[in-house]
Amino acid sequence: MSFTLLSSPLQGFTDFRFRNAQNKLFGGIDTFYSPYIRLNGKLVIKASYERDLLPENNAGLEVIPQVITNDADEFLFVAKYVRELGYKELNWNLGCPYPMVTKSGMGSGLIKNTEQINHILDRAHSETDIIVSMKMRLGYDTTEEILDVLPILDTYPIKNIAIHARIGKQLYKGGVHLDAFQHCIDNTKHKLYYNGDISSVAKFHEMQERFSSIDHWMIGRGLISDPFLPSMIRNNTPEYPKNKMELFSAFHDTLYAIYSESLSGQTHILLKMYHLWEYFSTTFSNPHKVLKQIKKAQSIRNYEAAVAAIFKNEK
């Protein structure tokens, strides 16, 4: 069965710099979703969002912009903006689990508010020609919450609904709720995409067997931890290439050079790289030790020395 692999957006990680580097060195992703645009009540697009979506920064990539909002005017403003950039589709995030988002009634914190979801979709479909797709969790407090939303979504021509099979208050802890995802399949006419814990070729096959009707699969944290994963799934091989560490080192060096150029000050650069290494470290034989070495490096010189030692030891 043919399938499509999608990069689930992670705020602060999967920007255009990451997308380009991953695509060039590893490939395997068919479509990238950009991290969400958030307006916070001001109808202004921040420069960082603008850079992330500029067509020239995404040449050769299939990218779908995403918005997070609980306000119809904001949704329409972003829809108009991305249409002007040449994008035909806007993905609406009802999945983000972070408290600073959910407490504002956005992301997975909006799932309970069926009235507002209906209102925004009504205006989106009557006042713009943008194609709307959705990214959701199963709910915030319970996996049943989504079942109240699906009948509303069925009344609109939504392109697809990508569901991360957790609830918001889980964040990324605990397991995925596969029975609850099956309930979604059974209770909507819309095309569903699966997202959640695809971290290996074996796990991908396990999900494929469980959900034979699904042919679009989203990889989120698994892509940052293991940029080889999409091409390994695509080629159906559990084996890493022989030059795994050389490729990974090239990937790191590409990102490090780009972020060193785009971020101001040693602290910002080191913090950015440390957050990436929280994921990267899991690819190494001793993740805890690797992350400790990175955290200890309090200067650019020490950081570069630590990285060189990590890759040398792993080889």
Protein backbone atom coordinates (compact mmCIF):
# COMPACT_ATOMS: atom_id res chain seq x y z
CA MET A 1 0.00 0.00 0.00
CA SER A 2 1.38 3.42 -0.93
CA PHE A 3 1.62 6.00 1.85
CA THR A 4 2.51 9.62 2.48
CA LEU A 5 4.89 10.79 5.21
CA LEU A 6 4.35 14.18 6.79
CA SER A 7 6.43 16.22 9.19
CA SER A 8 4.32 17.26 12.16
CA PRO A 9 5.33 20.78 13.21
CA LEU A 10 7.14 21.39 16.49
CA GLN A 11 7.36 24.99 17.64
CA GLY A 12 10.97 26.14 17.91
CA PHE A 13 12.35 23.15 15.98
CA THR A 14 10.96 22.45 12.51
CA ASP A 15 11.45 25.86 10.91
CA PHE A 16 12.58 26.33 7.30
CA ARG A 17 16.24 25.91 8.25
CA PHE A 18 15.59 22.50 9.80
CA ARG A 19 13.27 21.47 6.94
CA ASN A 20 15.82 22.30 4.26
CA ALA A 21 18.69 20.56 6.05
CA GLN A 22 16.65 17.41 6.77
CA ASN A 23 15.33 17.25 3.22
CA LYS A 24 18.75 17.77 1.62
CA LEU A 25 20.69 15.26 3.74
CA PHE A 26 18.06 12.58 4.45
CA GLY A 27 14.79 13.13 2.56
CA GLY A 28 11.77 10.87 2.97
CA ILE A 29 9.22 13.52 4.00
CA ASP A 30 6.56 14.30 1.39
CA THR A 31 4.99 17.31 3.10
CA PHE A 32 6.20 19.58 5.89
CA TYR A 33 3.79 21.51 8.11
CA SER A 34 5.23 24.80 9.30
CA PRO A 35 5.16 25.64 13.02
CA TYR A 36 2.00 27.59 13.83
CA ILE A 37 1.42 31.30 13.38
CA ARG A 38 0.08 32.86 16.59
CA LEU A 39 -1.19 36.44 16.55
CA ASN A 40 -2.18 37.08 20.20
CA GLY A 41 -4.94 39.50 19.27
CA LYS A 42 -2.79 41.69 17.02
CA LEU A 43 -3.40 41.36 13.29
CA VAL A 44 0.32 41.50 12.52
CA ILE A 45 2.55 38.74 11.15
CA LYS A 46 5.83 38.53 13.07
CA ALA A 47 9.03 38.65 11.00
CA SER A 48 10.03 35.13 12.11
CA TYR A 49 6.74 33.69 10.76
CA GLU A 50 7.21 35.66 7.56
CA ARG A 51 10.72 34.29 7.01
CA ASP A 52 9.54 30.76 7.73
CA LEU A 53 6.90 30.84 4.99
CA LEU A 54 8.64 32.85 2.26
CA PRO A 55 8.55 30.69 -0.90
CA GLU A 56 12.27 31.34 -1.53
CA ASN A 57 13.09 29.83 1.88
CA ASN A 58 11.15 26.68 1.02
CA ALA A 59 12.20 26.06 -2.58
CA GLY A 60 11.73 22.42 -3.54
CA LEU A 61 9.68 21.64 -0.41
CA GLU A 62 5.97 20.94 -0.08
CA VAL A 63 4.96 23.13 2.87
CA ILE A 64 1.57 23.74 4.49
CA PRO A 65 1.25 26.77 6.81
CA GLN A 66 -0.45 26.37 10.18
CA VAL A 67 -2.35 28.78 12.43
CA ILE A 68 -3.28 28.54 16.11
CA THR A 69 -6.20 30.72 17.16
CA ASN A 70 -9.64 30.76 18.75
CA ASP A 71 -10.69 33.88 16.86
CA ALA A 72 -12.35 33.96 13.44
CA ASP A 73 -10.89 37.35 12.46
CA GLU A 74 -7.39 36.08 13.21
CA PHE A 75 -8.03 32.95 11.16
CA LEU A 76 -9.23 35.00 8.18
CA PHE A 77 -6.30 37.41 8.48
CA VAL A 78 -3.78 34.54 8.37
CA ALA A 79 -5.71 32.82 5.55
CA LYS A 80 -5.48 36.00 3.45
CA TYR A 81 -1.78 36.37 4.27
CA VAL A 82 -0.80 32.82 3.26
CA ARG A 83 -2.95 33.03 0.09
CA GLU A 84 -0.96 36.12 -0.92
CA LEU A 85 2.23 34.07 -0.52
CA GLY A 86 0.80 31.47 -2.90
CA TYR A 87 -0.34 28.83 -0.40
CA LYS A 88 -3.71 27.20 -1.08
CA GLU A 89 -4.15 25.42 2.26
CA LEU A 90 -4.12 26.50 5.90
CA ASN A 91 -3.91 23.96 8.72
CA TRP A 92 -5.70 24.85 11.95
CA ASN A 93 -3.98 23.67 15.14
CA LEU A 94 -6.31 22.21 17.78
CA GLY A 95 -3.55 19.97 19.06
CA CYS A 96 -0.96 22.00 20.95
CA PRO A 97 -0.88 20.70 24.56
CA TYR A 98 1.25 23.38 26.24
CA PRO A 99 -0.47 25.07 29.23
CA MET A 100 0.41 28.61 28.08
CA VAL A 101 -1.60 27.86 24.91
CA THR A 102 -4.42 25.72 26.32
CA LYS A 103 -5.14 28.13 29.19
CA SER A 104 -5.85 30.77 26.54
CA GLY A 105 -8.46 28.44 25.02
CA MET A 106 -6.33 27.55 22.01
CA GLY A 107 -4.77 24.36 20.68
CA SER A 108 -6.15 21.30 22.45
CA GLY A 109 -7.76 23.69 24.96
CA LEU A 110 -10.27 24.67 22.26
CA ILE A 111 -11.58 21.16 21.52
CA LYS A 112 -14.34 21.40 24.16
CA ASN A 113 -15.62 24.66 22.67
CA THR A 114 -17.65 23.17 19.82
CA GLU A 115 -19.63 26.37 19.31
CA GLN A 116 -16.51 28.43 18.62
CA ILE A 117 -15.03 25.73 16.36
CA ASN A 118 -18.25 25.80 14.33
CA HIS A 119 -18.25 29.62 14.18
CA ILE A 120 -14.65 29.83 12.93
CA LEU A 121 -15.14 27.09 10.33
CA ASP A 122 -18.35 28.74 9.13
CA ARG A 123 -16.60 32.05 8.53
CA ALA A 124 -13.50 30.37 7.07
CA HIS A 125 -15.61 28.56 4.48
CA SER A 126 -17.93 31.45 3.68
CA GLU A 127 -15.43 34.33 3.62
CA THR A 128 -12.30 32.82 2.08
CA ASP A 129 -11.38 30.26 -0.58
CA ILE A 130 -8.57 28.78 1.52
CA ILE A 131 -8.55 24.97 1.82
CA VAL A 132 -8.85 24.15 5.53
CA SER A 133 -7.22 21.13 7.18
CA MET A 134 -7.03 20.35 10.89
CA LYS A 135 -4.46 19.09 13.39
CA MET A 136 -6.03 17.85 16.62
CA ARG A 137 -5.62 15.84 19.76
CA LEU A 138 -8.35 13.49 20.99
CA GLY A 139 -9.38 16.08 23.56
CA TYR A 140 -7.85 17.97 26.45
CA ASP A 141 -9.20 16.07 29.48
CA THR A 142 -10.68 12.95 27.86
CA THR A 143 -10.46 11.03 24.60
CA GLU A 144 -14.24 11.40 24.13
CA GLU A 145 -14.11 15.18 23.59
CA ILE A 146 -13.20 14.82 19.91
CA LEU A 147 -16.35 12.75 19.31
CA ASP A 148 -18.45 15.89 19.96
CA VAL A 149 -16.39 17.82 17.39
CA LEU A 150 -16.36 15.31 14.53
CA PRO A 151 -20.08 15.73 13.60
CA ILE A 152 -19.48 19.50 13.29
CA LEU A 153 -16.41 18.94 11.11
CA ASP A 154 -18.45 16.60 8.92
CA THR A 155 -20.61 19.55 7.85
CA TYR A 156 -17.60 21.31 6.24
CA PRO A 157 -15.40 20.36 3.26
CA ILE A 158 -12.27 19.97 5.41
CA LYS A 159 -9.39 18.45 3.46
CA ASN A 160 -8.21 16.16 6.26
CA ILE A 161 -7.90 15.84 10.03
CA ALA A 162 -4.53 14.84 11.46
CA ILE A 163 -5.02 13.38 14.93
CA HIS A 164 -2.29 13.03 17.53
CA ALA A 165 -3.62 10.10 19.53
CA ARG A 166 -3.13 11.66 22.97
CA ILE A 167 -5.10 14.12 25.08
CA GLY A 168 -3.77 17.60 25.75
CA LYS A 169 -3.11 17.23 29.47
CA GLN A 170 -0.80 14.29 28.75
CA LEU A 171 1.60 16.63 26.92
CA TYR A 172 3.92 13.97 25.46
CA LYS A 173 3.78 11.61 28.44
CA GLY A 174 2.13 8.22 28.61
CA GLY A 175 1.07 6.09 25.69
CA VAL A 176 -1.05 6.85 22.65
CA HIS A 177 -4.76 5.93 22.73
CA LEU A 178 -5.16 3.63 19.76
CA ASP A 179 -8.71 2.47 20.52
CA ALA A 180 -9.80 6.10 20.75
CA PHE A 181 -8.19 6.81 17.37
CA GLN A 182 -10.15 3.88 15.91
CA HIS A 183 -13.34 5.47 17.31
CA CYS A 184 -12.48 8.59 15.31
CA ILE A 185 -12.08 6.52 12.12
CA ASP A 186 -15.50 4.97 12.82
CA ASN A 187 -17.18 8.34 13.52
CA THR A 188 -16.22 10.67 10.69
CA LYS A 189 -16.54 10.83 6.93
CA HIS A 190 -13.32 12.87 6.69
CA LYS A 191 -9.90 11.60 5.72
CA LEU A 192 -7.79 11.07 8.85
CA TYR A 193 -4.01 11.21 9.25
CA TYR A 194 -2.32 9.42 12.15
CA ASN A 195 0.21 11.14 14.42
CA GLY A 196 1.90 9.90 17.61
CA ASP A 197 4.95 7.85 18.61
CA ILE A 198 6.16 6.77 15.18
CA SER A 199 9.76 6.39 16.34
CA SER A 200 11.04 3.40 14.34
CA VAL A 201 10.39 1.38 11.19
CA ALA A 202 8.95 -1.43 13.36
CA LYS A 203 6.57 0.99 15.11
CA PHE A 204 5.46 2.33 11.72
CA HIS A 205 4.62 -1.19 10.51
CA GLU A 206 2.78 -1.88 13.75
CA MET A 207 0.58 1.20 13.18
CA GLN A 208 0.07 0.33 9.52
CA GLU A 209 -1.21 -3.11 10.49
CA ARG A 210 -3.48 -1.68 13.19
CA PHE A 211 -4.99 1.03 10.95
CA SER A 212 -5.10 -0.39 7.44
CA SER A 213 -7.33 2.43 6.13
CA ILE A 214 -4.78 5.14 7.01
CA ASP A 215 -2.30 6.12 4.30
CA HIS A 216 -1.00 9.46 5.67
CA TRP A 217 1.39 9.28 8.62
CA MET A 218 2.80 12.18 10.61
CA ILE A 219 6.17 12.07 12.32
CA GLY A 220 6.84 14.73 14.96
CA ARG A 221 9.48 14.29 17.67
CA GLY A 222 10.71 11.13 15.91
CA LEU A 223 11.97 13.24 13.02
CA ILE A 224 14.08 15.50 15.24
CA SER A 225 15.45 12.59 17.27
CA ASP A 226 16.13 10.55 14.14
CA PRO A 227 16.25 12.45 10.83
CA PHE A 228 17.06 9.12 9.10
CA LEU A 229 13.65 7.68 10.02
CA PRO A 230 11.49 8.87 7.07
CA SER A 231 13.87 7.50 4.43
CA MET A 232 14.25 4.24 6.39
CA ILE A 233 10.46 3.88 6.47
CA ARG A 234 10.27 4.80 2.79
CA ASN A 235 12.92 2.19 1.87
CA ASN A 236 11.54 -0.34 4.38
CA THR A 237 14.92 -0.91 5.99
CA PRO A 238 15.62 -1.06 9.74
CA GLU A 239 19.34 -0.62 9.01
CA TYR A 240 21.08 2.74 9.29
CA PRO A 241 23.54 3.68 6.53
CA LYS A 242 27.18 2.76 7.20
CA ASN A 243 28.12 6.45 7.26
CA LYS A 244 25.41 7.25 9.82
CA MET A 245 27.59 9.40 12.08
CA GLU A 246 29.17 11.31 9.18
CA LEU A 247 25.70 12.20 7.91
CA PHE A 248 24.44 13.10 11.36
CA SER A 249 27.54 15.23 11.95
CA ALA A 250 26.94 17.05 8.63
CA PHE A 251 23.31 17.65 9.66
CA HIS A 252 24.40 19.06 13.03
CA ASP A 253 27.07 21.26 11.43
CA THR A 254 24.60 22.63 8.88
CA LEU A 255 22.09 23.59 11.57
CA TYR A 256 24.79 24.93 13.88
CA ALA A 257 26.20 27.18 11.15
CA ILE A 258 22.75 28.49 10.19
CA TYR A 259 21.66 29.18 13.76
CA SER A 260 25.02 30.76 14.62
CA GLU A 261 24.36 33.19 11.79
CA SER A 262 20.68 33.87 12.51
CA LEU A 263 20.73 34.06 16.33
CA SER A 264 22.42 36.85 18.25
CA GLY A 265 24.72 36.06 21.15
CA GLN A 266 26.42 32.99 22.52
CA THR A 267 23.64 32.25 25.06
CA HIS A 268 20.91 32.07 22.41
CA ILE A 269 22.96 29.84 20.14
CA LEU A 270 23.93 27.43 22.94
CA LEU A 271 20.34 27.26 24.22
CA LYS A 272 19.03 26.53 20.72
CA MET A 273 21.56 23.74 20.20
CA TYR A 274 20.95 22.32 23.68
CA HIS A 275 17.22 21.98 22.92
CA LEU A 276 18.07 20.17 19.67
CA TRP A 277 20.46 17.87 21.53
CA GLU A 278 17.64 16.89 23.91
CA TYR A 279 16.33 15.04 20.85
CA PHE A 280 19.62 14.31 19.02
CA SER A 281 21.12 12.59 22.10
CA THR A 282 18.65 9.70 21.80
CA THR A 283 20.42 8.57 18.61
CA PHE A 284 23.64 7.95 20.57
CA SER A 285 24.54 4.88 22.61
CA ASN A 286 24.66 6.87 25.88
CA PRO A 287 22.05 9.67 25.58
CA HIS A 288 22.36 10.81 29.20
CA LYS A 289 26.14 11.23 28.98
CA VAL A 290 25.89 13.02 25.61
CA LEU A 291 23.34 15.53 26.89
CA LYS A 292 25.39 16.12 30.04
CA GLN A 293 28.45 16.95 27.90
CA ILE A 294 26.42 19.44 25.87
CA LYS A 295 24.90 21.05 28.96
CA LYS A 296 28.32 21.46 30.57
CA ALA A 297 29.62 23.44 27.58
CA GLN A 298 29.07 27.04 28.65
CA SER A 299 30.96 28.65 25.78
CA ILE A 300 31.03 28.29 21.99
CA ARG A 301 34.57 26.88 22.11
CA ASN A 302 33.63 24.28 24.73
CA TYR A 303 30.47 23.40 22.84
CA GLU A 304 32.37 22.76 19.61
CA ALA A 305 34.92 20.63 21.47
CA ALA A 306 32.15 18.63 23.18
CA VAL A 307 30.38 17.97 19.86
CA ALA A 308 33.61 16.87 18.17
CA ALA A 309 34.31 14.46 21.06
CA ILE A 310 30.74 13.06 21.00
CA PHE A 311 30.89 12.22 17.30
CA LYS A 312 34.45 10.86 17.54
CA ASN A 313 33.55 8.56 20.46
CA GLU A 314 30.42 7.27 18.71
CA LYS A 315 32.31 6.33 15.54
